Amino acid sequence: MKHLLKAVPVLASLDIDKTVNFYTTKLGFKATYHDAGYGIVVRDDIAIHFWKCDDKIFPENTSCYVDVQEVDQLYQEMEQVGVIHPNGKLEDKPWGRREFAILDADGNLIRFGQSL
C-alpha cells in the first residue's frame, strides 16, 4: 500500500495578495484561497501554498522543484512573461533532467523539469 501521494510546497510570502497575483497573472495558476496570512494557487495537478512572513531571508533562501511534461513549451511560456532566473535558462543537466528556473515576486526559486 502506498502511503505517500504527493508533496505540496509551502513557500514564504512577504505579501500574500502580491504573491497570489504574480502566480495568477504571470504563471497561469488559479487562486483557490487567500487571506492576509495564507494563500493557495493551483495549476494542472500542482498546488503551491504560501505563508506570510516579514523577513525576505525566508523566500530568498527557499525553492521547490516541479516535475512537468513538455518542458520546452512551458519554458517558452515563462520566457514570454520575463520570469526566467538569470542563471536558470533551459538546459539538459548531467543528472538526467531538462530543466529551467524562475524567481517569483518574493524571491522563491521554482525549478521546472522533466526526465531526458
PDB file of N, CA and C in Angstrom:
ATOM      1  N   MET A   1       0.841  -1.191   0.000  1.00  0.00           N
ATOM      2  CA  MET A   1       0.000   0.000   0.000  1.00  0.00           C
ATOM      3  C   MET A   1       0.880   1.246   0.000  1.00  0.00           C
ATOM      4  N   LYS A   2       0.561   2.186  -0.877  1.00  0.00           N
ATOM      5  CA  LYS A   2       1.286   3.450  -0.907  1.00  0.00           C
ATOM      6  C   LYS A   2       0.671   4.396   0.113  1.00  0.00           C
ATOM      7  N   HIS A   3       1.512   4.995   0.915  1.00  0.00           N
ATOM      8  CA  HIS A   3       1.043   5.978   1.881  1.00  0.00           C
ATOM      9  C   HIS A   3       1.283   7.409   1.409  1.00  0.00           C
ATOM     10  N   LEU A   4       2.390   7.624   0.722  1.00  0.00           N
ATOM     11  CA  LEU A   4       2.746   8.964   0.288  1.00  0.00           C
ATOM     12  C   LEU A   4       2.173   9.215  -1.104  1.00  0.00           C
ATOM     13  N   LEU A   5       1.376  10.254  -1.256  1.00  0.00           N
ATOM     14  CA  LEU A   5       0.711  10.521  -2.528  1.00  0.00           C
ATOM     15  C   LEU A   5       1.360  11.640  -3.320  1.00  0.00           C
ATOM     16  N   LYS A   6       1.604  12.777  -2.700  1.00  0.00           N
ATOM     17  CA  LYS A   6       2.344  13.850  -3.358  1.00  0.00           C
ATOM     18  C   LYS A   6       2.725  14.887  -2.322  1.00  0.00           C
ATOM     19  N   ALA A   7       3.710  15.686  -2.671  1.00  0.00           N
ATOM     20  CA  ALA A   7       4.157  16.751  -1.784  1.00  0.00           C
ATOM     21  C   ALA A   7       3.602  18.081  -2.275  1.00  0.00           C
ATOM     22  N   VAL A   8       3.305  18.958  -1.348  1.00  0.00           N
ATOM     23  CA  VAL A   8       2.818  20.297  -1.675  1.00  0.00           C
ATOM     24  C   VAL A   8       3.761  21.297  -1.013  1.00  0.00           C
ATOM     25  N   PRO A   9       4.481  22.073  -1.827  1.00  0.00           N
ATOM     26  CA  PRO A   9       5.380  23.054  -1.221  1.00  0.00           C
ATOM     27  C   PRO A   9       4.601  24.156  -0.512  1.00  0.00           C
ATOM     28  N   VAL A  10       5.151  24.617   0.598  1.00  0.00           N
ATOM     29  CA  VAL A  10       4.602  25.758   1.334  1.00  0.00           C
ATOM     30  C   VAL A  10       5.727  26.788   1.398  1.00  0.00           C
ATOM     31  N   LEU A  11       5.610  27.823   0.564  1.00  0.00           N
ATOM     32  CA  LEU A  11       6.666  28.811   0.394  1.00  0.00           C
ATOM     33  C   LEU A  11       6.360  30.084   1.166  1.00  0.00           C
ATOM     34  N   ALA A  12       7.394  30.819   1.476  1.00  0.00           N
ATOM     35  CA  ALA A  12       7.249  32.083   2.198  1.00  0.00           C
ATOM     36  C   ALA A  12       6.808  33.195   1.247  1.00  0.00           C
ATOM     37  N   SER A  13       5.981  34.096   1.770  1.00  0.00           N
ATOM     38  CA  SER A  13       5.491  35.250   1.012  1.00  0.00           C
ATOM     39  C   SER A  13       5.569  36.489   1.886  1.00  0.00           C
ATOM     40  N   LEU A  14       6.077  37.567   1.301  1.00  0.00           N
ATOM     41  CA  LEU A  14       6.119  38.836   2.028  1.00  0.00           C
ATOM     42  C   LEU A  14       4.787  39.560   1.978  1.00  0.00           C
ATOM     43  N   ASP A  15       3.972  39.241   0.973  1.00  0.00           N
ATOM     44  CA  ASP A  15       2.662  39.868   0.784  1.00  0.00           C
ATOM     45  C   ASP A  15       1.800  38.873   0.016  1.00  0.00           C
ATOM     46  N   ILE A  16       0.875  38.229   0.704  1.00  0.00           N
ATOM     47  CA  ILE A  16       0.079  37.161   0.097  1.00  0.00           C
ATOM     48  C   ILE A  16      -0.666  37.649  -1.145  1.00  0.00           C
ATOM     49  N   ASP A  17      -1.294  38.805  -1.095  1.00  0.00           N
ATOM     50  CA  ASP A  17      -2.013  39.322  -2.267  1.00  0.00           C
ATOM     51  C   ASP A  17      -1.081  39.479  -3.467  1.00  0.00           C
ATOM     52  N   LYS A  18       0.070  40.056  -3.244  1.00  0.00           N
ATOM     53  CA  LYS A  18       1.038  40.271  -4.324  1.00  0.00           C
ATOM     54  C   LYS A  18       1.530  38.934  -4.886  1.00  0.00           C
ATOM     55  N   THR A  19       1.801  37.995  -4.001  1.00  0.00           N
ATOM     56  CA  THR A  19       2.277  36.679  -4.425  1.00  0.00           C
ATOM     57  C   THR A  19       1.229  35.953  -5.252  1.00  0.00           C
ATOM     58  N   VAL A  20       0.003  35.920  -4.757  1.00  0.00           N
ATOM     59  CA  VAL A  20      -1.087  35.249  -5.488  1.00  0.00           C
ATOM     60  C   VAL A  20      -1.295  35.922  -6.839  1.00  0.00           C
ATOM     61  N   ASN A  21      -1.234  37.232  -6.881  1.00  0.00           N
ATOM     62  CA  ASN A  21      -1.380  37.950  -8.141  1.00  0.00           C
ATOM     63  C   ASN A  21      -0.274  37.563  -9.130  1.00  0.00           C
ATOM     64  N   PHE A  22       0.957  37.464  -8.654  1.00  0.00           N
ATOM     65  CA  PHE A  22       2.066  37.064  -9.513  1.00  0.00           C
ATOM     66  C   PHE A  22       1.820  35.680 -10.112  1.00  0.00           C
ATOM     67  N   TYR A  23       1.440  34.731  -9.284  1.00  0.00           N
ATOM     68  CA  TYR A  23       1.233  33.362  -9.762  1.00  0.00           C
ATOM     69  C   TYR A  23       0.042  33.266 -10.721  1.00  0.00           C
ATOM     70  N   THR A  24      -0.975  34.074 -10.511  1.00  0.00           N
ATOM     71  CA  THR A  24      -2.139  34.005 -11.398  1.00  0.00           C
ATOM     72  C   THR A  24      -1.918  34.768 -12.701  1.00  0.00           C
ATOM     73  N   THR A  25      -1.274  35.919 -12.647  1.00  0.00           N
ATOM     74  CA  THR A  25      -1.111  36.718 -13.870  1.00  0.00           C
ATOM     75  C   THR A  25       0.120  36.331 -14.679  1.00  0.00           C
ATOM     76  N   LYS A  26       1.182  35.909 -14.030  1.00  0.00           N
ATOM     77  CA  LYS A  26       2.430  35.588 -14.741  1.00  0.00           C
ATOM     78  C   LYS A  26       2.594  34.099 -15.032  1.00  0.00           C
ATOM     79  N   LEU A  27       2.168  33.248 -14.110  1.00  0.00           N
ATOM     80  CA  LEU A  27       2.473  31.823 -14.227  1.00  0.00           C
ATOM     81  C   LEU A  27       1.282  30.951 -14.593  1.00  0.00           C
ATOM     82  N   GLY A  28       0.109  31.533 -14.732  1.00  0.00           N
ATOM     83  CA  GLY A  28      -1.044  30.761 -15.170  1.00  0.00           C
ATOM     84  C   GLY A  28      -1.711  29.905 -14.109  1.00  0.00           C
ATOM     85  N   PHE A  29      -1.438  30.185 -12.842  1.00  0.00           N
ATOM     86  CA  PHE A  29      -2.098  29.464 -11.757  1.00  0.00           C
ATOM     87  C   PHE A  29      -3.462  30.093 -11.483  1.00  0.00           C
ATOM     88  N   LYS A  30      -4.280  29.379 -10.759  1.00  0.00           N
ATOM     89  CA  LYS A  30      -5.588  29.877 -10.320  1.00  0.00           C
ATOM     90  C   LYS A  30      -5.570  29.945  -8.795  1.00  0.00           C
ATOM     91  N   ALA A  31      -6.034  31.039  -8.245  1.00  0.00           N
ATOM     92  CA  ALA A  31      -6.107  31.167  -6.784  1.00  0.00           C
ATOM     93  C   ALA A  31      -7.315  30.379  -6.283  1.00  0.00           C
ATOM     94  N   THR A  32      -7.079  29.514  -5.301  1.00  0.00           N
ATOM     95  CA  THR A  32      -8.198  28.779  -4.697  1.00  0.00           C
ATOM     96  C   THR A  32      -8.496  29.256  -3.287  1.00  0.00           C
ATOM     97  N   TYR A  33      -7.533  29.965  -2.683  1.00  0.00           N
ATOM     98  CA  TYR A  33      -7.758  30.535  -1.356  1.00  0.00           C
ATOM     99  C   TYR A  33      -6.663  31.552  -1.084  1.00  0.00           C
ATOM    100  N   HIS A  34      -7.039  32.662  -0.469  1.00  0.00           N
ATOM    101  CA  HIS A  34      -6.028  33.532   0.120  1.00  0.00           C
ATOM    102  C   HIS A  34      -6.675  34.544   1.046  1.00  0.00           C
ATOM    103  N   ASP A  35      -5.926  34.824   2.099  1.00  0.00           N
ATOM    104  CA  ASP A  35      -6.264  35.895   3.026  1.00  0.00           C
ATOM    105  C   ASP A  35      -4.947  36.587   3.363  1.00  0.00           C
ATOM    106  N   ALA A  36      -4.906  37.393   4.364  1.00  0.00           N
ATOM    107  CA  ALA A  36      -3.689  38.144   4.675  1.00  0.00           C
ATOM    108  C   ALA A  36      -2.534  37.260   5.139  1.00  0.00           C
ATOM    109  N   GLY A  37      -2.825  36.049   5.616  1.00  0.00           N
ATOM    110  CA  GLY A  37      -1.783  35.212   6.198  1.00  0.00           C
ATOM    111  C   GLY A  37      -1.462  33.934   5.466  1.00  0.00           C
ATOM    112  N   TYR A  38      -2.299  33.548   4.480  1.00  0.00           N
ATOM    113  CA  TYR A  38      -2.088  32.257   3.813  1.00  0.00           C
ATOM    114  C   TYR A  38      -2.703  32.295   2.430  1.00  0.00           C
ATOM    115  N   GLY A  39      -2.061  31.621   1.479  1.00  0.00           N
ATOM    116  CA  GLY A  39      -2.591  31.570   0.126  1.00  0.00           C
ATOM    117  C   GLY A  39      -2.350  30.228  -0.526  1.00  0.00           C
ATOM    118  N   ILE A  40      -3.217  29.875  -1.493  1.00  0.00           N
ATOM    119  CA  ILE A  40      -3.081  28.628  -2.237  1.00  0.00           C
ATOM    120  C   ILE A  40      -3.364  28.926  -3.701  1.00  0.00           C
ATOM    121  N   VAL A  41      -2.466  28.454  -4.569  1.00  0.00           N
ATOM    122  CA  VAL A  41      -2.673  28.549  -6.007  1.00  0.00           C
ATOM    123  C   VAL A  41      -2.517  27.159  -6.609  1.00  0.00           C
ATOM    124  N   VAL A  42      -3.213  26.910  -7.724  1.00  0.00           N
ATOM    125  CA  VAL A  42      -3.131  25.614  -8.392  1.00  0.00           C
ATOM    126  C   VAL A  42      -3.020  25.813  -9.901  1.00  0.00           C
ATOM    127  N   ARG A  43      -2.331  24.890 -10.515  1.00  0.00           N
ATOM    128  CA  ARG A  43      -2.282  24.795 -11.973  1.00  0.00           C
ATOM    129  C   ARG A  43      -2.103  23.328 -12.312  1.00  0.00           C
ATOM    130  N   ASP A  44      -2.986  22.827 -13.166  1.00  0.00           N
ATOM    131  CA  ASP A  44      -2.986  21.403 -13.510  1.00  0.00           C
ATOM    132  C   ASP A  44      -3.082  20.603 -12.203  1.00  0.00           C
ATOM    133  N   ASP A  45      -2.128  19.715 -11.937  1.00  0.00           N
ATOM    134  CA  ASP A  45      -2.176  18.891 -10.723  1.00  0.00           C
ATOM    135  C   ASP A  45      -1.262  19.415  -9.620  1.00  0.00           C
ATOM    136  N   ILE A  46      -0.763  20.640  -9.774  1.00  0.00           N
ATOM    137  CA  ILE A  46       0.185  21.193  -8.806  1.00  0.00           C
ATOM    138  C   ILE A  46      -0.483  22.278  -7.964  1.00  0.00           C
ATOM    139  N   ALA A  47      -0.325  22.168  -6.668  1.00  0.00           N
ATOM    140  CA  ALA A  47      -0.769  23.218  -5.737  1.00  0.00           C
ATOM    141  C   ALA A  47       0.469  23.749  -5.022  1.00  0.00           C
ATOM    142  N   ILE A  48       0.496  25.053  -4.820  1.00  0.00           N
ATOM    143  CA  ILE A  48       1.547  25.679  -4.023  1.00  0.00           C
ATOM    144  C   ILE A  48       0.867  26.533  -2.965  1.00  0.00           C
ATOM    145  N   HIS A  49       1.287  26.362  -1.724  1.00  0.00           N
ATOM    146  CA  HIS A  49       0.751  27.129  -0.600  1.00  0.00           C
ATOM    147  C   HIS A  49       1.780  28.181  -0.203  1.00  0.00           C
ATOM    148  N   PHE A  50       1.307  29.268   0.387  1.00  0.00           N
ATOM    149  CA  PHE A  50       2.176  30.350   0.844  1.00  0.00           C
ATOM    150  C   PHE A  50       1.805  30.758   2.260  1.00  0.00           C
ATOM    151  N   TRP A  51       2.803  31.010   3.066  1.00  0.00           N
ATOM    152  CA  TRP A  51       2.586  31.538   4.415  1.00  0.00           C
ATOM    153  C   TRP A  51       3.196  32.926   4.475  1.00  0.00           C
ATOM    154  N   LYS A  52       2.586  33.790   5.223  1.00  0.00           N
ATOM    155  CA  LYS A  52       3.018  35.178   5.359  1.00  0.00           C
ATOM    156  C   LYS A  52       4.220  35.254   6.283  1.00  0.00           C
ATOM    157  N   CYS A  53       5.263  35.929   5.804  1.00  0.00           N
ATOM    158  CA  CYS A  53       6.433  36.174   6.645  1.00  0.00           C
ATOM    159  C   CYS A  53       6.819  37.646   6.505  1.00  0.00           C
ATOM    160  N   ASP A  54       7.655  38.114   7.389  1.00  0.00           N
ATOM    161  CA  ASP A  54       8.064  39.518   7.377  1.00  0.00           C
ATOM    162  C   ASP A  54       9.550  39.713   7.078  1.00  0.00           C
ATOM    163  N   ASP A  55      10.254  38.636   6.768  1.00  0.00           N
ATOM    164  CA  ASP A  55      11.689  38.725   6.538  1.00  0.00           C
ATOM    165  C   ASP A  55      12.023  38.100   5.191  1.00  0.00           C
ATOM    166  N   LYS A  56      12.578  38.881   4.275  1.00  0.00           N
ATOM    167  CA  LYS A  56      12.861  38.400   2.926  1.00  0.00           C
ATOM    168  C   LYS A  56      13.914  37.290   2.894  1.00  0.00           C
ATOM    169  N   ILE A  57      14.608  37.058   4.000  1.00  0.00           N
ATOM    170  CA  ILE A  57      15.585  35.976   4.023  1.00  0.00           C
ATOM    171  C   ILE A  57      14.915  34.616   3.782  1.00  0.00           C
ATOM    172  N   PHE A  58      13.655  34.485   4.194  1.00  0.00           N
ATOM    173  CA  PHE A  58      12.978  33.195   4.013  1.00  0.00           C
ATOM    174  C   PHE A  58      12.688  32.890   2.549  1.00  0.00           C
ATOM    175  N   PRO A  59      11.961  33.742   1.815  1.00  0.00           N
ATOM    176  CA  PRO A  59      11.725  33.400   0.412  1.00  0.00           C
ATOM    177  C   PRO A  59      12.998  33.406  -0.438  1.00  0.00           C
ATOM    178  N   GLU A  60      13.941  34.250  -0.093  1.00  0.00           N
ATOM    179  CA  GLU A  60      15.158  34.321  -0.895  1.00  0.00           C
ATOM    180  C   GLU A  60      16.079  33.120  -0.688  1.00  0.00           C
ATOM    181  N   ASN A  61      15.734  32.250   0.249  1.00  0.00           N
ATOM    182  CA  ASN A  61      16.518  31.044   0.501  1.00  0.00           C
ATOM    183  C   ASN A  61      15.662  29.789   0.439  1.00  0.00           C
ATOM    184  N   THR A  62      14.565  29.867  -0.310  1.00  0.00           N
ATOM    185  CA  THR A  62      13.631  28.757  -0.413  1.00  0.00           C
ATOM    186  C   THR A  62      13.409  28.420  -1.885  1.00  0.00           C
ATOM    187  N   SER A  63      13.174  27.146  -2.154  1.00  0.00           N
ATOM    188  CA  SER A  63      12.888  26.738  -3.527  1.00  0.00           C
ATOM    189  C   SER A  63      12.029  25.487  -3.527  1.00  0.00           C
ATOM    190  N   CYS A  64      11.510  25.175  -4.705  1.00  0.00           N
ATOM    191  CA  CYS A  64      10.828  23.891  -4.896  1.00  0.00           C
ATOM    192  C   CYS A  64      11.049  23.441  -6.326  1.00  0.00           C
ATOM    193  N   TYR A  65      10.832  22.172  -6.574  1.00  0.00           N
ATOM    194  CA  TYR A  65      11.031  21.562  -7.881  1.00  0.00           C
ATOM    195  C   TYR A  65       9.695  21.006  -8.338  1.00  0.00           C
ATOM    196  N   VAL A  66       9.336  21.280  -9.604  1.00  0.00           N
ATOM    197  CA  VAL A  66       8.072  20.812 -10.153  1.00  0.00           C
ATOM    198  C   VAL A  66       8.367  19.950 -11.380  1.00  0.00           C
ATOM    199  N   ASP A  67       7.955  18.684 -11.329  1.00  0.00           N
ATOM    200  CA  ASP A  67       8.054  17.804 -12.493  1.00  0.00           C
ATOM    201  C   ASP A  67       7.003  18.220 -13.505  1.00  0.00           C
ATOM    202  N   VAL A  68       7.396  18.304 -14.780  1.00  0.00           N
ATOM    203  CA  VAL A  68       6.483  18.754 -15.822  1.00  0.00           C
ATOM    204  C   VAL A  68       6.579  17.856 -17.049  1.00  0.00           C
ATOM    205  N   GLN A  69       5.630  18.052 -17.957  1.00  0.00           N
ATOM    206  CA  GLN A  69       5.682  17.498 -19.303  1.00  0.00           C
ATOM    207  C   GLN A  69       5.833  18.680 -20.250  1.00  0.00           C
ATOM    208  N   GLU A  70       6.441  18.424 -21.394  1.00  0.00           N
ATOM    209  CA  GLU A  70       6.606  19.478 -22.406  1.00  0.00           C
ATOM    210  C   GLU A  70       7.348  20.692 -21.827  1.00  0.00           C
ATOM    211  N   VAL A  71       8.493  20.436 -21.241  1.00  0.00           N
ATOM    212  CA  VAL A  71       9.251  21.487 -20.568  1.00  0.00           C
ATOM    213  C   VAL A  71       9.640  22.613 -21.528  1.00  0.00           C
ATOM    214  N   ASP A  72       9.899  22.278 -22.787  1.00  0.00           N
ATOM    215  CA  ASP A  72      10.279  23.321 -23.749  1.00  0.00           C
ATOM    216  C   ASP A  72       9.141  24.314 -23.976  1.00  0.00           C
ATOM    217  N   GLN A  73       7.916  23.817 -24.065  1.00  0.00           N
ATOM    218  CA  GLN A  73       6.754  24.698 -24.245  1.00  0.00           C
ATOM    219  C   GLN A  73       6.527  25.561 -23.011  1.00  0.00           C
ATOM    220  N   LEU A  74       6.656  24.956 -21.824  1.00  0.00           N
ATOM    221  CA  LEU A  74       6.487  25.724 -20.597  1.00  0.00           C
ATOM    222  C   LEU A  74       7.564  26.795 -20.489  1.00  0.00           C
ATOM    223  N   TYR A  75       8.778  26.458 -20.872  1.00  0.00           N
ATOM    224  CA  TYR A  75       9.860  27.442 -20.848  1.00  0.00           C
ATOM    225  C   TYR A  75       9.532  28.639 -21.736  1.00  0.00           C
ATOM    226  N   GLN A  76       9.043  28.379 -22.937  1.00  0.00           N
ATOM    227  CA  GLN A  76       8.681  29.475 -23.846  1.00  0.00           C
ATOM    228  C   GLN A  76       7.599  30.362 -23.229  1.00  0.00           C
ATOM    229  N   GLU A  77       6.627  29.734 -22.585  1.00  0.00           N
ATOM    230  CA  GLU A  77       5.558  30.488 -21.916  1.00  0.00           C
ATOM    231  C   GLU A  77       6.128  31.391 -20.825  1.00  0.00           C
ATOM    232  N   MET A  78       7.006  30.844 -19.992  1.00  0.00           N
ATOM    233  CA  MET A  78       7.580  31.606 -18.892  1.00  0.00           C
ATOM    234  C   MET A  78       8.555  32.676 -19.390  1.00  0.00           C
ATOM    235  N   GLU A  79       9.259  32.372 -20.467  1.00  0.00           N
ATOM    236  CA  GLU A  79      10.193  33.338 -21.037  1.00  0.00           C
ATOM    237  C   GLU A  79       9.440  34.568 -21.561  1.00  0.00           C
ATOM    238  N   GLN A  80       8.269  34.351 -22.131  1.00  0.00           N
ATOM    239  CA  GLN A  80       7.473  35.458 -22.675  1.00  0.00           C
ATOM    240  C   GLN A  80       7.032  36.448 -21.606  1.00  0.00           C
ATOM    241  N   VAL A  81       6.855  35.985 -20.380  1.00  0.00           N
ATOM    242  CA  VAL A  81       6.437  36.894 -19.310  1.00  0.00           C
ATOM    243  C   VAL A  81       7.619  37.375 -18.463  1.00  0.00           C
ATOM    244  N   GLY A  82       8.823  37.004 -18.845  1.00  0.00           N
ATOM    245  CA  GLY A  82      10.018  37.552 -18.229  1.00  0.00           C
ATOM    246  C   GLY A  82      10.321  37.101 -16.817  1.00  0.00           C
ATOM    247  N   VAL A  83      10.060  35.836 -16.501  1.00  0.00           N
ATOM    248  CA  VAL A  83      10.303  35.365 -15.133  1.00  0.00           C
ATOM    249  C   VAL A  83      11.468  34.382 -15.012  1.00  0.00           C
ATOM    250  N   ILE A  84      12.164  34.104 -16.096  1.00  0.00           N
ATOM    251  CA  ILE A  84      13.268  33.142 -16.055  1.00  0.00           C
ATOM    252  C   ILE A  84      14.410  33.704 -15.196  1.00  0.00           C
ATOM    253  N   HIS A  85      14.915  32.884 -14.299  1.00  0.00           N
ATOM    254  CA  HIS A  85      16.058  33.264 -13.457  1.00  0.00           C
ATOM    255  C   HIS A  85      17.262  33.519 -14.368  1.00  0.00           C
ATOM    256  N   PRO A  86      18.067  34.544 -14.077  1.00  0.00           N
ATOM    257  CA  PRO A  86      19.231  34.838 -14.930  1.00  0.00           C
ATOM    258  C   PRO A  86      20.161  33.639 -15.133  1.00  0.00           C
ATOM    259  N   ASN A  87      20.258  32.778 -14.142  1.00  0.00           N
ATOM    260  CA  ASN A  87      21.094  31.577 -14.259  1.00  0.00           C
ATOM    261  C   ASN A  87      20.258  30.322 -14.462  1.00  0.00           C
ATOM    262  N   GLY A  88      19.000  30.483 -14.870  1.00  0.00           N
ATOM    263  CA  GLY A  88      18.095  29.346 -14.952  1.00  0.00           C
ATOM    264  C   GLY A  88      17.598  29.022 -16.341  1.00  0.00           C
ATOM    265  N   LYS A  89      18.399  29.294 -17.354  1.00  0.00           N
ATOM    266  CA  LYS A  89      17.989  29.003 -18.732  1.00  0.00           C
ATOM    267  C   LYS A  89      17.747  27.503 -18.918  1.00  0.00           C
ATOM    268  N   LEU A  90      16.894  27.167 -19.858  1.00  0.00           N
ATOM    269  CA  LEU A  90      16.568  25.778 -20.161  1.00  0.00           C
ATOM    270  C   LEU A  90      17.805  25.035 -20.657  1.00  0.00           C
ATOM    271  N   GLU A  91      18.089  23.902 -20.017  1.00  0.00           N
ATOM    272  CA  GLU A  91      19.229  23.096 -20.448  1.00  0.00           C
ATOM    273  C   GLU A  91      19.122  21.679 -19.927  1.00  0.00           C
ATOM    274  N   ASP A  92      19.853  20.795 -20.582  1.00  0.00           N
ATOM    275  CA  ASP A  92      19.951  19.411 -20.142  1.00  0.00           C
ATOM    276  C   ASP A  92      21.002  19.343 -19.040  1.00  0.00           C
ATOM    277  N   LYS A  93      20.614  18.760 -17.927  1.00  0.00           N
ATOM    278  CA  LYS A  93      21.502  18.673 -16.768  1.00  0.00           C
ATOM    279  C   LYS A  93      22.179  17.308 -16.725  1.00  0.00           C
ATOM    280  N   PRO A  94      23.365  17.228 -16.104  1.00  0.00           N
ATOM    281  CA  PRO A  94      24.074  15.948 -16.045  1.00  0.00           C
ATOM    282  C   PRO A  94      23.352  14.889 -15.211  1.00  0.00           C
ATOM    283  N   TRP A  95      22.367  15.285 -14.420  1.00  0.00           N
ATOM    284  CA  TRP A  95      21.627  14.319 -13.604  1.00  0.00           C
ATOM    285  C   TRP A  95      20.403  13.776 -14.342  1.00  0.00           C
ATOM    286  N   GLY A  96      20.361  13.988 -15.678  1.00  0.00           N
ATOM    287  CA  GLY A  96      19.317  13.363 -16.484  1.00  0.00           C
ATOM    288  C   GLY A  96      18.000  14.111 -16.547  1.00  0.00           C
ATOM    289  N   ARG A  97      18.034  15.423 -16.340  1.00  0.00           N
ATOM    290  CA  ARG A  97      16.821  16.239 -16.368  1.00  0.00           C
ATOM    291  C   ARG A  97      17.015  17.390 -17.347  1.00  0.00           C
ATOM    292  N   ARG A  98      15.954  17.788 -18.011  1.00  0.00           N
ATOM    293  CA  ARG A  98      15.932  19.011 -18.815  1.00  0.00           C
ATOM    294  C   ARG A  98      15.119  19.993 -17.997  1.00  0.00           C
ATOM    295  N   GLU A  99      15.730  21.114 -17.599  1.00  0.00           N
ATOM    296  CA  GLU A  99      15.059  21.980 -16.644  1.00  0.00           C
ATOM    297  C   GLU A  99      15.441  23.444 -16.810  1.00  0.00           C
ATOM    298  N   PHE A 100      14.635  24.286 -16.155  1.00  0.00           N
ATOM    299  CA  PHE A 100      14.885  25.721 -16.070  1.00  0.00           C
ATOM    300  C   PHE A 100      14.371  26.202 -14.731  1.00  0.00           C
ATOM    301  N   ALA A 101      14.692  27.464 -14.388  1.00  0.00           N
ATOM    302  CA  ALA A 101      14.292  28.007 -13.088  1.00  0.00           C
ATOM    303  C   ALA A 101      13.741  29.419 -13.251  1.00  0.00           C
ATOM    304  N   ILE A 102      12.823  29.765 -12.359  1.00  0.00           N
ATOM    305  CA  ILE A 102      12.270  31.115 -12.288  1.00  0.00           C
ATOM    306  C   ILE A 102      12.391  31.628 -10.861  1.00  0.00           C
ATOM    307  N   LEU A 103      12.268  32.925 -10.710  1.00  0.00           N
ATOM    308  CA  LEU A 103      12.125  33.548  -9.396  1.00  0.00           C
ATOM    309  C   LEU A 103      10.732  34.138  -9.324  1.00  0.00           C
ATOM    310  N   ASP A 104      10.036  33.894  -8.215  1.00  0.00           N
ATOM    311  CA  ASP A 104       8.732  34.530  -8.062  1.00  0.00           C
ATOM    312  C   ASP A 104       8.908  35.939  -7.495  1.00  0.00           C
ATOM    313  N   ALA A 105       7.815  36.616  -7.253  1.00  0.00           N
ATOM    314  CA  ALA A 105       7.845  38.018  -6.812  1.00  0.00           C
ATOM    315  C   ALA A 105       8.543  38.217  -5.471  1.00  0.00           C
ATOM    316  N   ASP A 106       8.617  37.161  -4.654  1.00  0.00           N
ATOM    317  CA  ASP A 106       9.250  37.255  -3.336  1.00  0.00           C
ATOM    318  C   ASP A 106      10.685  36.770  -3.318  1.00  0.00           C
ATOM    319  N   GLY A 107      11.115  36.115  -4.396  1.00  0.00           N
ATOM    320  CA  GLY A 107      12.468  35.580  -4.449  1.00  0.00           C
ATOM    321  C   GLY A 107      12.557  34.078  -4.302  1.00  0.00           C
ATOM    322  N   ASN A 108      11.421  33.381  -4.148  1.00  0.00           N
ATOM    323  CA  ASN A 108      11.437  31.922  -4.126  1.00  0.00           C
ATOM    324  C   ASN A 108      11.905  31.411  -5.487  1.00  0.00           C
ATOM    325  N   LEU A 109      12.777  30.430  -5.491  1.00  0.00           N
ATOM    326  CA  LEU A 109      13.244  29.804  -6.714  1.00  0.00           C
ATOM    327  C   LEU A 109      12.359  28.606  -7.017  1.00  0.00           C
ATOM    328  N   ILE A 110      11.796  28.561  -8.222  1.00  0.00           N
ATOM    329  CA  ILE A 110      10.981  27.425  -8.654  1.00  0.00           C
ATOM    330  C   ILE A 110      11.686  26.810  -9.854  1.00  0.00           C
ATOM    331  N   ARG A 111      12.022  25.542  -9.748  1.00  0.00           N
ATOM    332  CA  ARG A 111      12.650  24.828 -10.851  1.00  0.00           C
ATOM    333  C   ARG A 111      11.631  23.897 -11.474  1.00  0.00           C
ATOM    334  N   PHE A 112      11.591  23.900 -12.790  1.00  0.00           N
ATOM    335  CA  PHE A 112      10.690  23.036 -13.563  1.00  0.00           C
ATOM    336  C   PHE A 112      11.538  22.113 -14.407  1.00  0.00           C
ATOM    337  N   GLY A 113      11.196  20.822 -14.438  1.00  0.00           N
ATOM    338  CA  GLY A 113      11.994  19.916 -15.245  1.00  0.00           C
ATOM    339  C   GLY A 113      11.303  18.614 -15.564  1.00  0.00           C
ATOM    340  N   GLN A 114      11.882  17.928 -16.538  1.00  0.00           N
ATOM    341  CA  GLN A 114      11.398  16.604 -16.905  1.00  0.00           C
ATOM    342  C   GLN A 114      12.590  15.704 -17.199  1.00  0.00           C
ATOM    343  N   SER A 115      12.352  14.407 -17.126  1.00  0.00           N
ATOM    344  CA  SER A 115      13.415  13.446 -17.422  1.00  0.00           C
ATOM    345  C   SER A 115      13.799  13.506 -18.885  1.00  0.00           C
ATOM    346  N   LEU A 116      15.090  13.281 -19.145  1.00  0.00           N
ATOM    347  CA  LEU A 116      15.563  13.227 -20.535  1.00  0.00           C
ATOM    348  C   LEU A 116      15.167  11.911 -21.170  1.00  0.00           C
TER     349      LEU A 116
END
